[in-house]
Protein backbone atom coordinates (compact mmCIF):
# COMPACT_ATOMS: atom_id res chain seq x y z
CA MET A 1 157.01 41.81 26.66
CA LYS A 2 157.62 44.91 28.66
CA GLY A 3 157.06 46.98 25.51
CA LYS A 4 153.68 45.41 24.92
CA THR A 5 152.76 46.00 28.59
CA VAL A 6 153.77 49.67 28.35
CA GLY A 7 151.88 49.95 25.08
CA LYS A 8 148.77 48.52 26.67
CA ILE A 9 149.11 50.91 29.61
CA ILE A 10 149.43 53.91 27.25
CA LEU A 11 146.51 52.75 25.11
CA GLY A 12 144.45 52.20 28.23
CA PHE A 13 145.34 55.68 29.53
CA LEU A 14 144.36 57.30 26.20
CA ALA A 15 141.14 55.34 26.19
CA VAL A 16 140.34 56.63 29.66
CA LEU A 17 141.14 60.25 28.56
CA ILE A 18 138.93 59.89 25.50
CA LEU A 19 136.19 58.46 27.64
CA LEU A 20 136.54 61.27 30.19
CA ALA A 21 136.54 63.87 27.39
CA GLY A 22 133.39 62.32 25.97
CA ILE A 23 131.75 62.30 29.38
CA LEU A 24 132.75 65.96 30.01
CA PHE A 25 131.52 67.06 26.56
CA THR A 26 128.26 65.18 27.10
CA ILE A 27 127.82 66.78 30.51
CA GLY A 28 128.74 70.17 29.02
CA TYR A 29 126.34 69.70 26.13
CA PHE A 30 123.44 68.85 28.39
CA TYR A 31 124.27 70.78 31.53
CA TYR A 32 126.62 73.69 30.70
CA GLY A 33 123.76 75.38 28.89
CA LYS A 34 121.82 75.60 32.13
CA ILE A 35 124.91 76.75 34.04
CA ILE A 36 125.67 79.50 31.52
CA ARG A 37 121.99 80.44 31.31
CA ASN A 38 121.82 81.02 35.07
CA TYR A 39 125.17 82.82 35.04
CA LEU A 40 124.03 85.21 32.28
CA ILE A 41 120.82 86.04 34.12
CA GLU A 42 122.72 86.76 37.33
CA ALA A 43 125.50 88.67 35.51
CA VAL A 44 123.06 90.99 33.73
CA SER A 45 121.34 91.88 37.00
CA ARG A 46 124.63 92.23 38.87
CA GLU A 47 126.53 94.31 36.30
CA SER A 48 123.58 96.66 35.67
CA LYS A 49 122.94 96.94 39.42
CA GLY A 50 119.41 95.72 38.92
CA LEU A 51 118.66 98.13 36.07
CA TYR A 52 118.21 95.29 33.55
CA LYS A 53 116.66 91.83 33.85
CA ALA A 54 117.48 89.03 31.40
CA GLU A 55 114.94 86.35 30.51
CA ILE A 56 116.22 83.29 28.62
CA GLY A 57 114.18 80.41 27.23
CA SER A 58 116.55 77.63 26.11
CA LEU A 59 120.31 77.76 25.56
CA SER A 60 122.52 75.43 23.53
CA LEU A 61 126.33 75.48 23.49
CA ASN A 62 128.96 73.93 21.23
CA LEU A 63 132.24 74.12 23.15
CA LEU A 64 134.37 72.86 20.27
CA VAL A 65 133.68 75.76 17.88
CA GLY A 66 132.52 78.35 20.42
CA ASN A 67 128.93 78.69 19.20
CA LEU A 68 126.05 79.69 21.46
CA THR A 69 122.36 79.84 20.50
CA ILE A 70 119.63 81.22 22.73
CA ASP A 71 115.92 80.93 21.98
CA ARG A 72 113.35 83.40 23.36
CA PHE A 73 115.75 85.96 24.84
CA SER A 74 114.65 89.27 26.35
CA LEU A 75 116.35 92.17 28.10
CA VAL A 76 113.96 94.30 30.15
CA PRO A 77 114.87 97.62 31.83
CA ASP A 78 113.46 98.75 35.16
CA THR A 79 112.39 102.33 34.34
CA ALA A 80 111.25 103.05 37.90
CA LEU A 81 114.68 102.08 39.28
CA TYR A 82 116.30 104.20 36.56
CA ARG A 83 114.41 107.30 37.67
CA ALA A 84 115.37 106.68 41.28
CA ARG A 85 119.06 106.14 40.48
CA SER A 86 119.36 108.95 37.94
CA ASN A 87 119.30 111.49 40.77
CA SER A 88 122.59 110.20 42.15
CA ASP A 89 124.30 108.09 39.43
CA THR A 90 125.72 109.00 36.03
CA LEU A 91 123.54 107.01 33.64
CA SER A 92 123.00 106.92 29.90
CA PRO A 93 119.75 108.67 28.92
CA LEU A 94 118.94 105.73 26.63
CA LEU A 95 117.37 102.50 27.86
CA LEU A 96 116.84 99.39 25.72
CA LYS A 97 114.18 96.71 25.84
CA ILE A 98 114.91 93.75 23.58
CA THR A 99 112.80 90.69 22.82
CA VAL A 100 114.17 88.21 20.29
CA ASP A 101 113.16 84.76 19.07
CA LYS A 102 116.75 83.70 18.36
CA PHE A 103 120.08 85.06 19.53
CA MET A 104 123.33 83.56 18.21
CA ILE A 105 127.01 83.97 19.14
CA ARG A 106 129.57 82.59 16.71
CA ASP A 107 133.32 81.85 17.12
CA PHE A 108 133.53 82.58 20.84
CA ARG A 109 137.11 81.92 22.01
CA ILE A 110 136.34 80.09 25.21
CA MET A 111 139.97 79.40 26.20
CA ASP A 112 140.78 83.12 26.07
CA ALA A 113 137.88 83.73 28.45
CA VAL A 114 139.17 81.04 30.83
CA ARG A 115 142.88 81.81 30.68
CA PHE A 116 143.00 85.57 30.11
CA ARG A 117 139.55 86.69 31.31
CA LYS A 118 139.03 88.10 27.84
CA ILE A 119 135.76 87.87 25.90
CA ASP A 120 136.52 87.59 22.17
CA VAL A 121 133.57 86.98 19.81
CA LYS A 122 133.59 87.16 16.04
CA ARG A 123 129.86 87.77 15.50
CA ILE A 124 126.61 88.17 17.42
CA ARG A 125 123.27 88.02 15.60
CA PHE A 126 119.78 88.97 16.74
CA ILE A 127 117.19 87.61 14.29
CA GLY A 128 113.75 89.22 14.16
CA PRO A 129 113.88 91.12 17.46
CA GLU A 130 111.51 93.70 18.87
CA VAL A 131 113.54 96.65 20.19
CA THR A 132 112.19 99.53 22.27
CA VAL A 133 114.45 102.54 22.91
CA PHE A 134 113.51 104.77 25.86
CA ARG A 135 114.91 108.31 25.94
CA MET A 136 114.80 109.26 29.59
CA ALA A 137 114.87 112.63 31.31
CA MET A 138 118.16 113.48 33.01
CA PRO A 139 117.43 115.37 36.27
CA ARG A 140 120.15 117.36 38.00
CA LYS A 141 121.02 117.49 41.65
CA ALA A 142 119.36 120.31 43.55
CA ASN A 143 122.74 121.64 44.74
CA ASP A 144 124.59 121.09 41.49
CA ASP A 145 124.25 123.60 38.63
CA LYS A 146 126.56 121.63 36.35
CA PRO A 147 124.94 119.10 34.01
CA LYS A 148 125.80 115.46 34.56
CA GLU A 149 128.39 113.84 32.35
CA LYS A 150 126.69 111.47 29.92
CA MET A 151 127.88 107.88 29.76
CA THR A 152 129.17 107.37 26.20
CA SER A 153 131.15 104.17 26.80
CA ILE A 154 130.31 100.64 27.94
CA PRO A 155 131.69 99.90 31.43
CA LEU A 156 134.02 96.91 31.71
CA PRO A 157 132.53 94.23 34.02
CA LYS A 158 134.61 93.25 37.03
CA GLY A 159 136.80 90.21 36.57
CA LEU A 160 137.36 90.78 32.83
CA THR A 161 140.33 92.37 31.10
CA SER A 162 138.52 93.15 27.84
CA ILE A 163 135.51 92.45 25.66
CA GLU A 164 135.94 92.43 21.87
CA ILE A 165 133.14 91.74 19.39
CA GLY A 166 133.92 91.85 15.68
CA GLU A 167 130.37 92.47 14.50
CA LEU A 168 126.93 92.72 16.03
CA LEU A 169 123.91 92.41 13.73
CA VAL A 170 120.27 93.13 14.44
CA GLU A 171 118.24 91.92 11.45
CA ASN A 172 114.59 92.45 10.50
CA ALA A 173 113.81 94.19 13.76
CA LYS A 174 110.74 96.10 14.81
CA LEU A 175 111.77 99.34 16.53
CA ASP A 176 109.83 101.58 18.90
CA PHE A 177 111.24 104.89 20.14
CA VAL A 178 109.63 106.18 23.35
CA ASP A 179 110.58 109.70 24.42
CA CYS A 180 110.12 110.05 28.19
CA SER A 181 112.32 113.14 28.50
CA HIS A 182 109.38 115.59 28.49
CA ASP A 183 106.10 115.93 30.38
CA THR A 184 104.23 114.13 27.59
CA ILE A 185 105.42 110.68 26.51
CA THR A 186 105.58 110.20 22.74
CA ARG A 187 106.01 106.92 20.85
CA ASN A 188 107.18 106.37 17.27
CA SER A 189 107.17 102.91 15.69
CA PHE A 190 109.27 101.65 12.80
CA PRO A 191 108.15 98.30 11.31
CA THR A 192 111.58 97.41 9.89
CA CYS A 193 115.02 98.15 11.28
CA THR A 194 118.56 96.89 10.70
CA ILE A 195 121.45 97.65 13.07
CA THR A 196 125.10 96.86 12.31
CA ILE A 197 127.78 97.55 14.92
CA LYS A 198 131.41 97.15 13.84
CA HIS A 199 134.23 96.21 16.23
CA ILE A 200 133.14 96.76 19.82
CA LEU A 201 136.15 97.00 22.15
CA VAL A 202 135.65 97.40 25.90
CA ASP A 203 138.78 97.72 28.02
CA SER A 204 140.40 100.13 30.44
CA ALA A 205 141.89 102.27 27.65
CA HIS A 206 138.68 103.10 25.72
CA GLN A 207 136.37 105.56 27.47
CA GLY A 208 134.10 106.44 24.57
CA LYS A 209 135.72 109.82 23.85
CA ARG A 210 136.32 109.03 20.18
CA ARG A 211 134.37 105.82 19.65
CA LEU A 212 130.75 106.19 20.67
CA PHE A 213 129.73 103.24 22.86
CA ASN A 214 133.14 101.62 22.20
CA ALA A 215 132.34 100.85 18.54
CA ASP A 216 134.11 101.79 15.33
CA ASP A 217 130.70 102.35 13.74
CA ILE A 218 127.06 101.98 14.68
CA SER A 219 124.86 101.96 11.58
CA ILE A 220 121.08 102.01 11.90
CA THR A 221 118.67 101.80 8.96
CA LEU A 222 114.95 102.31 9.47
CA GLY A 223 112.48 101.23 6.81
CA SER A 224 109.46 103.09 5.42
CA TYR A 225 107.54 105.06 8.01
CA SER A 226 104.64 107.51 8.07
CA LEU A 227 102.56 109.32 10.64
CA PRO A 228 99.77 111.91 10.64
CA LEU A 229 100.71 115.27 12.14
CA LYS A 230 99.00 116.70 15.21
CA ASN A 231 96.80 119.10 13.22
CA GLY A 232 95.18 116.15 11.40
CA MET A 233 95.63 117.94 8.06
CA ASN A 234 98.97 116.55 6.88
CA LYS A 235 100.94 113.31 6.79
CA LEU A 236 104.71 112.91 7.12
CA SER A 237 106.40 109.91 5.53
CA PHE A 238 109.93 108.59 4.90
CA GLY A 239 111.20 105.89 2.59
CA GLU A 240 114.27 105.17 4.72
CA ILE A 241 116.20 106.76 7.60
CA GLY A 242 119.85 105.96 8.22
CA ILE A 243 122.50 106.90 10.78
CA SER A 244 126.22 106.11 11.03
CA THR A 245 128.30 107.09 14.06
CA GLY A 246 131.57 106.26 12.30
CA SER A 247 131.03 108.68 9.42
CA GLY A 248 128.81 111.16 11.34
CA VAL A 249 126.00 110.91 8.77
CA VAL A 250 122.21 111.00 9.20
CA TYR A 251 120.13 110.66 6.03
CA VAL A 252 116.48 110.47 5.03
CA ASN A 253 115.35 109.04 1.69
CA LYS A 254 112.00 109.94 0.10
CA PHE A 255 110.88 112.57 2.59
CA HIS A 256 107.28 113.64 1.93
CA LEU A 257 105.04 116.16 3.69
CA GLU A 258 101.64 115.54 2.16
CA PRO A 259 98.27 117.27 2.71
CA LEU A 260 95.44 114.87 3.56
CA TYR A 261 92.88 116.97 1.66
CA ASN A 262 92.82 118.49 -1.83
CA LYS A 263 93.45 122.17 -2.52
CA HIS A 264 89.77 123.10 -2.46
CA ASP A 265 88.83 121.25 0.74
CA TYR A 266 91.97 121.91 2.78
CA THR A 267 91.28 125.46 3.95
CA ARG A 268 87.55 124.82 4.19
CA LYS A 269 88.25 122.01 6.65
CA LEU A 270 90.39 124.39 8.70
CA GLY A 271 87.90 127.22 8.37
CA TYR A 272 90.42 129.88 7.41
CA GLN A 273 92.92 130.82 4.70
CA THR A 274 96.37 129.24 4.77
CA ASP A 275 98.95 127.65 2.48
CA TRP A 276 98.32 124.16 1.11
CA MET A 277 101.83 122.72 0.74
CA ASP A 278 103.04 119.45 -0.74
CA ILE A 279 106.80 118.99 -0.16
CA SER A 280 108.92 116.05 -1.27
CA VAL A 281 112.68 115.55 -1.15
CA SER A 282 114.56 112.71 -2.81
CA LYS A 283 117.25 112.66 -0.11
CA LEU A 284 118.25 114.68 2.96
CA ALA A 285 121.76 114.02 4.27
CA PHE A 286 123.31 115.57 7.38
CA LYS A 287 127.09 115.21 7.26
CA ARG A 288 129.75 115.84 9.91
CA MET A 289 126.95 115.49 12.45
CA ASP A 290 127.70 115.63 16.15
CA LEU A 291 125.77 112.53 17.15
CA ARG A 292 126.71 112.82 20.82
CA LYS A 293 124.96 116.20 20.99
CA LEU A 294 121.97 114.82 19.08
CA LEU A 295 121.54 111.66 21.17
CA PHE A 296 122.27 113.02 24.62
CA GLU A 297 121.24 116.69 24.41
CA GLY A 298 118.81 116.83 21.48
CA LYS A 299 120.96 119.41 19.68
CA ILE A 300 121.21 119.47 15.88
CA MET A 301 124.79 120.32 14.96
CA ALA A 302 126.08 119.49 11.47
CA GLY A 303 128.81 120.77 9.19
CA PHE A 304 126.78 120.11 6.06
CA LEU A 305 123.18 119.43 5.01
CA GLU A 306 122.55 118.27 1.46
CA ILE A 307 119.03 118.43 0.00
CA ASP A 308 118.68 116.48 -3.23
CA THR A 309 115.73 117.23 -5.56
CA LEU A 310 113.21 119.34 -3.69
CA ILE A 311 109.68 119.50 -5.14
CA LEU A 312 107.48 122.19 -3.57
CA ASP A 313 103.85 122.81 -4.56
CA ASP A 314 102.46 125.79 -2.63
CA TYR A 315 98.88 127.04 -3.09
CA ARG A 316 96.76 129.66 -1.34
CA ASP A 317 93.00 130.00 -1.85
CA LYS A 318 92.30 133.68 -1.23
CA ARG A 319 88.56 133.15 -1.64
CA VAL A 320 88.56 131.84 1.94
CA ALA A 321 88.64 134.35 4.81
CA PRO A 322 92.03 134.79 6.59
CA ARG A 323 92.61 133.35 10.03
CA PRO A 324 91.55 136.00 12.57
CA GLY A 325 94.48 137.50 14.44
CA PHE A 326 97.04 135.14 12.88
CA LYS A 327 100.48 136.64 12.26
CA PRO A 328 102.94 134.21 10.68
CA PRO A 329 106.46 134.70 12.01
CA MET A 330 109.36 135.93 9.94
CA PRO A 331 112.10 133.31 9.34
CA GLN A 332 114.27 135.12 11.88
CA ASP A 333 111.58 134.82 14.55
CA GLY A 334 111.05 131.16 13.75
CA ILE A 335 114.77 130.39 14.05
CA ARG A 336 115.21 132.32 17.30
CA LYS A 337 112.20 130.66 18.93
CA LEU A 338 113.13 127.09 18.06
CA LYS A 339 113.17 124.97 21.20
CA THR A 340 115.87 122.75 19.69
CA TYR A 341 119.41 124.06 19.39
CA LEU A 342 120.31 124.31 15.69
CA ARG A 343 123.62 124.91 13.97
CA ILE A 344 124.25 123.92 10.35
CA ASP A 345 127.35 125.44 8.80
CA THR A 346 126.37 124.91 5.15
CA LEU A 347 123.12 123.84 3.49
CA LEU A 348 123.21 122.80 -0.17
CA LEU A 349 120.15 122.37 -2.41
CA LYS A 350 120.79 120.30 -5.53
CA GLY A 351 118.04 120.50 -8.10
CA GLY A 352 114.30 120.85 -7.67
CA LYS A 353 111.19 122.78 -8.56
CA ALA A 354 109.02 125.22 -6.61
CA SER A 355 105.60 126.39 -7.75
CA TYR A 356 103.21 128.87 -6.18
CA GLY A 357 99.54 129.25 -6.94
CA GLU A 358 97.14 131.93 -5.71
CA GLN A 359 93.44 131.90 -6.48
CA VAL A 360 91.02 134.85 -6.37
CA GLY A 361 88.73 133.87 -9.26
CA GLU A 362 87.77 130.80 -11.25
CA ALA A 363 91.35 129.68 -11.90
CA PRO A 364 94.55 130.11 -9.86
CA GLY A 365 97.44 132.26 -10.99
CA THR A 366 100.59 130.15 -11.01
CA ILE A 367 104.30 130.83 -11.13
CA PHE A 368 107.14 128.34 -10.87
CA PHE A 369 110.91 128.03 -10.73
CA ASP A 370 112.72 124.90 -11.84
CA LYS A 371 116.36 123.72 -12.00
CA LEU A 372 116.75 125.14 -8.51
CA GLY A 373 120.07 125.30 -6.69
CA ALA A 374 120.98 127.08 -3.46
CA THR A 375 123.61 127.44 -0.76
CA PHE A 376 122.77 128.61 2.76
CA THR A 377 125.60 129.36 5.20
CA GLY A 378 125.32 130.04 8.92
CA LEU A 379 121.90 128.57 9.68
CA THR A 380 121.75 128.73 13.48
CA ASN A 381 119.92 129.91 16.57
CA ASP A 382 123.09 129.90 18.70
CA SER A 383 122.57 132.87 21.02
CA VAL A 384 126.30 133.65 21.23
CA LEU A 385 126.70 133.81 17.46
CA LEU A 386 123.50 135.81 17.00
CA HIS A 387 124.54 138.30 19.67
CA ALA A 388 127.88 138.69 17.88
CA GLY A 389 126.01 139.81 14.74
CA LEU A 390 126.33 136.70 12.56
CA VAL A 391 124.98 137.29 9.03
CA SER A 392 123.56 134.19 7.36
CA GLU A 393 123.52 134.13 3.57
CA LEU A 394 121.24 132.33 1.11
CA LYS A 395 122.39 132.32 -2.52
CA GLY A 396 120.17 130.59 -5.06
CA THR A 397 119.56 130.09 -8.76
CA GLY A 398 116.51 128.96 -10.70
CA TRP A 399 114.63 129.41 -13.95
CA LEU A 400 111.47 131.54 -13.87
CA MET A 401 108.69 129.66 -15.69
CA GLY A 402 111.49 127.47 -17.02
CA LYS A 403 112.63 130.29 -19.34
CA GLY A 404 114.51 133.11 -17.54
CA LYS A 405 117.45 132.41 -15.28
CA MET A 406 117.23 134.04 -11.85
CA ASP A 407 120.04 134.60 -9.34
CA ALA A 408 119.10 135.81 -5.87
CA THR A 409 120.85 136.52 -2.57
CA ILE A 410 119.21 137.01 0.82
CA ARG A 411 121.25 137.96 3.88
CA PHE A 412 119.61 137.43 7.27
CA ASN A 413 120.58 138.93 10.58
CA PHE A 414 118.88 136.34 12.77
CA GLY A 415 119.89 138.15 15.94
CA ASN A 416 118.32 141.47 14.94
CA PRO A 417 115.22 142.22 17.07
CA ARG A 418 113.49 143.77 14.03
CA SER A 419 114.31 140.75 11.80
CA ALA A 420 116.46 142.84 9.46
CA PHE A 421 117.52 141.35 6.14
CA THR A 422 118.55 142.39 2.63
CA PHE A 423 117.93 140.82 -0.74
CA SER A 424 119.08 141.30 -4.31
CA ALA A 425 118.16 139.50 -7.54
CA MET A 426 118.74 139.31 -11.27
CA ILE A 427 116.51 137.69 -13.91
CA GLY A 428 117.92 137.14 -17.38
CA PRO A 429 116.32 137.35 -20.86
CA MET A 430 112.88 135.81 -21.46
CA ASP A 431 109.59 136.40 -23.25
CA LEU A 432 107.29 138.30 -20.89
CA VAL A 433 104.26 136.48 -22.30
CA GLU A 434 105.44 133.53 -20.14
CA ILE A 435 104.28 135.26 -16.94
CA ASN A 436 100.62 135.41 -18.04
CA PRO A 437 99.64 132.21 -16.15
CA MET A 438 100.24 134.19 -12.97
CA LEU A 439 99.27 137.67 -14.16
CA SER A 440 96.04 136.97 -16.05
CA ASN A 441 94.35 135.00 -13.27
CA LEU A 442 95.17 137.53 -10.55
CA LEU A 443 94.74 140.83 -12.39
CA PRO A 444 92.46 141.86 -15.30
CA ALA A 445 95.52 142.22 -17.51
CA LYS A 446 97.87 140.23 -19.72
CA VAL A 447 101.10 140.81 -21.59
CA VAL A 448 100.46 140.90 -25.33
CA SER A 449 104.12 141.17 -26.19
CA GLY A 450 107.42 142.08 -24.64
CA LYS A 451 111.00 140.85 -24.31
CA LEU A 452 112.75 141.03 -20.97
CA GLN A 453 116.44 141.82 -21.32
CA LYS A 454 117.06 141.71 -17.59
CA LEU A 455 115.36 142.57 -14.33
CA GLN A 456 117.74 143.73 -11.62
CA ILE A 457 117.13 144.40 -7.93
CA PRO A 458 120.45 145.86 -6.76
CA LEU A 459 119.67 145.84 -3.04
CA VAL A 460 116.54 145.92 -0.91
CA SER A 461 116.81 146.64 2.81
CA ALA A 462 113.94 145.24 4.85
CA ASN A 463 112.78 144.34 8.33
CA ASP A 464 109.61 143.12 10.00
CA ASP A 465 107.72 146.24 8.87
CA VAL A 466 108.91 147.59 5.52
CA ALA A 467 111.05 146.92 2.45
CA LYS A 468 112.85 149.69 0.53
CA GLY A 469 115.01 149.56 -2.57
CA LYS A 470 115.28 149.96 -6.34
CA LEU A 471 114.25 147.87 -9.35
CA LEU A 472 115.67 148.13 -12.87
CA PHE A 473 113.42 146.61 -15.54
CA TYR A 474 115.10 146.38 -18.97
CA TYR A 475 112.66 145.37 -21.73
CA ASN A 476 111.67 145.93 -25.37
CA ASP A 477 108.39 146.03 -27.32
CA LEU A 478 106.14 145.80 -24.23
CA SER A 479 102.37 145.85 -24.78
CA ILE A 480 99.79 145.22 -22.04
CA ASP A 481 96.10 144.45 -22.49
CA VAL A 482 93.88 145.43 -19.55
CA GLN A 483 90.75 143.28 -19.60
CA ASP A 484 87.34 143.60 -17.94
CA LYS A 485 85.19 140.49 -17.73
CA LYS A 486 81.96 142.52 -17.56
CA GLN A 487 82.00 143.71 -21.15
CA THR A 488 79.19 146.28 -21.15
CA THR A 489 79.33 149.26 -23.49
CA TRP A 490 80.73 151.43 -20.72
CA THR A 491 83.34 148.87 -19.64
CA LYS A 492 84.50 148.46 -23.25
CA ILE A 493 85.06 152.23 -23.46
CA LYS A 494 86.72 152.22 -20.02
CA THR A 495 88.97 149.28 -20.96
CA GLY A 496 90.01 151.04 -24.16
CA VAL A 497 90.92 154.19 -22.25
CA ILE A 498 92.89 152.20 -19.64
CA ASN A 499 94.74 150.28 -22.36
CA PHE A 500 95.60 153.55 -24.10
CA ALA A 501 96.82 155.05 -20.82
CA ALA A 502 98.78 151.95 -19.87
CA ASN A 503 100.46 151.45 -23.23
CA ASP A 504 100.82 154.98 -24.57
CA LEU A 505 100.92 157.32 -21.58
CA VAL A 506 102.47 155.34 -18.73
CA VAL A 507 104.27 152.26 -20.08
CA ASN A 508 107.07 152.85 -22.55
CA ASP A 509 107.55 150.28 -25.28
CA ASP A 510 111.20 150.12 -24.31
CA ASN A 511 113.12 150.69 -21.10
CA PRO A 512 115.54 152.34 -21.45
CA THR A 513 113.91 154.30 -24.28
CA LYS A 514 115.54 154.71 -27.66
CA SER A 515 116.84 158.07 -26.44
CA GLY A 516 118.60 156.30 -23.59
CA LYS A 517 116.31 157.43 -20.76
CA MET A 518 115.96 154.76 -18.04
CA LYS A 519 112.86 154.56 -15.87
CA THR A 520 113.77 153.17 -12.44
CA GLY A 521 111.24 151.51 -10.17
CA THR A 522 111.07 152.35 -6.47
CA ILE A 523 110.46 149.43 -4.13
CA TYR A 524 108.45 150.37 -1.07
CA PHE A 525 106.09 147.95 0.63
CA MET A 526 104.67 147.83 4.14
CA ARG A 527 104.52 144.21 5.23
CA ALA A 528 101.06 142.73 5.74
CA LYS A 529 101.55 141.06 9.14
CA ASP A 530 98.95 138.39 8.39
CA LYS A 531 100.97 137.20 5.35
CA GLY A 532 104.13 135.12 5.19
CA PHE A 533 107.71 135.86 4.19
CA ILE A 534 107.37 134.76 0.53
CA ASN A 535 104.38 137.08 0.12
CA PHE A 536 106.49 139.91 1.56
CA LEU A 537 109.26 139.32 -1.03
CA TRP A 538 106.79 139.03 -3.90
CA LYS A 539 104.73 142.12 -3.01
CA SER A 540 107.90 144.17 -2.47
CA THR A 541 109.13 143.20 -5.95
CA LEU A 542 105.68 143.88 -7.42
CA SER A 543 105.71 147.39 -5.94
CA GLY A 544 108.93 148.07 -7.88
CA LEU A 545 107.42 146.72 -11.12
CA LYS A 546 104.34 148.90 -10.71
CA SER A 547 106.56 151.89 -9.99
CA THR A 548 108.46 151.28 -13.25
CA MET A 549 105.11 151.43 -15.08
CA GLY A 550 104.28 154.73 -13.37
CA PHE A 551 101.90 153.37 -10.72
CA ASN A 552 103.29 154.73 -7.44
CA SER A 553 101.73 154.83 -4.00
CA LYS A 554 101.82 158.02 -1.90
CA ALA A 555 104.82 156.69 -0.01
CA GLN A 556 106.65 155.88 -3.26
CA LYS A 557 105.88 159.31 -4.69
CA SER A 558 107.23 160.89 -1.51
CA LEU A 559 110.45 158.85 -1.75
CA ILE A 560 110.86 159.77 -5.42
CA ARG A 561 110.45 163.49 -4.59
CA GLU A 562 113.00 163.22 -1.78
CA GLU A 563 115.48 161.53 -4.13
CA LYS A 564 114.96 164.21 -6.77
CA GLN A 565 115.52 166.93 -4.19
CA LYS A 566 118.70 165.24 -2.94
CA THR A 567 119.92 164.85 -6.52
CA ALA A 568 119.18 168.51 -7.30
CA GLU A 569 120.97 169.68 -4.14
CA LYS A 570 123.94 167.50 -5.01
CA HIS A 571 124.16 169.03 -8.49
CA LYS A 572 124.00 172.55 -7.01
CA LYS A 573 126.86 171.77 -4.64
CA GLU A 574 128.91 170.29 -7.47
CA LYS A 575 128.33 173.41 -9.59
CA LYS A 576 129.35 175.67 -6.71
CA ALA A 577 132.45 173.60 -6.13
CA LYS A 578 133.45 173.95 -9.79
CA LYS A 579 133.03 177.76 -9.65
């Protein structure tokens, strides 16, 4: 009897507990959402010291499995308060504005939060948000010459021992980047964006020194994007842009700089002569990138830049008048005057094609190099390194007109005030008839026959004003036809005389000749300051080719005489020494 009574008491007690649990769960289901909603709004304002305001539509909570779903959530920064506080507080230069239709937290360990004051969440998802990133200016105190320390870690809220989030996903987002760090505010919009953040851990031990913003990895992928450039003549587009803080990688797929007008109309729209350039790259990848420097200081510092499949189409219409007073800078000037700090240890070009066209008549002369490969070391505008005399080296290979292999080396002294550099090159065997697409449309001449054995430029020393060096042109069976389009009786006679002089008096069929005599070309070219760097290299090389054929300028003739005199004096001294 007593056993039955005890049993009834126990059953009654359990029934009451079950009833109470049901009542509590029901209350929690209907009312805890409101309590948590109000707490979150207050916590965001409190922990950010008023810098952020949270707006929450509806909130639903499942206590049993630790799931939380919020509809119509937004996080709005107070930019005016930021500017006021940035004068005295250490703040991150990045502000976020987030508006999302649905925000979900999964597998939230509620008991750990209650018992150990520890937030432990397996996954947080933002579905279809609109994210605006503000890059703010960071003013310094008037009496403090030292820059402020940037906040690279998430502060731990008071009352908590740690926050750990396994994964945070932002899916199908629209991203706007607003740069407020300069006098003029600029905005860039990306229609699609995906952000994945792996393992966020906020506690007293992690200060963001190794893990940026307390995460193992922050990966951001931006979808296709394009924008017209300020000059209104070109468009810049990307297939995809990606960044990973864990691996230190920034990449761009399908980069394309595209003219908005065709080759004929481009310069006529501008009103002066310039290069029409279409540039595409399959992939650009910065590796070992210092993302802290990039995000917080705007500095580009990378151990490695890989350029995969570069296609360059460069054209200049010389029938249009040059731009009055325009003097394009040398590469050294351009690097030194960059407003952005740049340091890339190694640049690697893997594959590509570069073509150049120049038009003076009815059709353009064209030359191209394919199967391109290059390595550039020491690309920087670091004033300390430049002052120390750093020499940056570009070594490249390619195939001239797809037929003759070319190896070239250019060494830049970016710190030299006169933009000093040297270059050397070697082109292997090819049929010289292949260069007629360039030669015949620029000059009234063409190669009838000729076999290049090799063309060697041992070393050319150059600066902003002049290039000097030697050119060795080894060939066999060379014949040149000098043409005149106005074929009157007199011009036919004149053309015949010029052809005779070119082929029989000046140009040898072979170099070296069958007797072994080698005719060396002298490179001497005064830079045309209204032309670019590529033109300078090409015209310097052309001066050496002309010299090999016997066509020397006054300056070249003077150099040749000086060399002959030095050689003769050297021989005299050697003879005297032998006696």
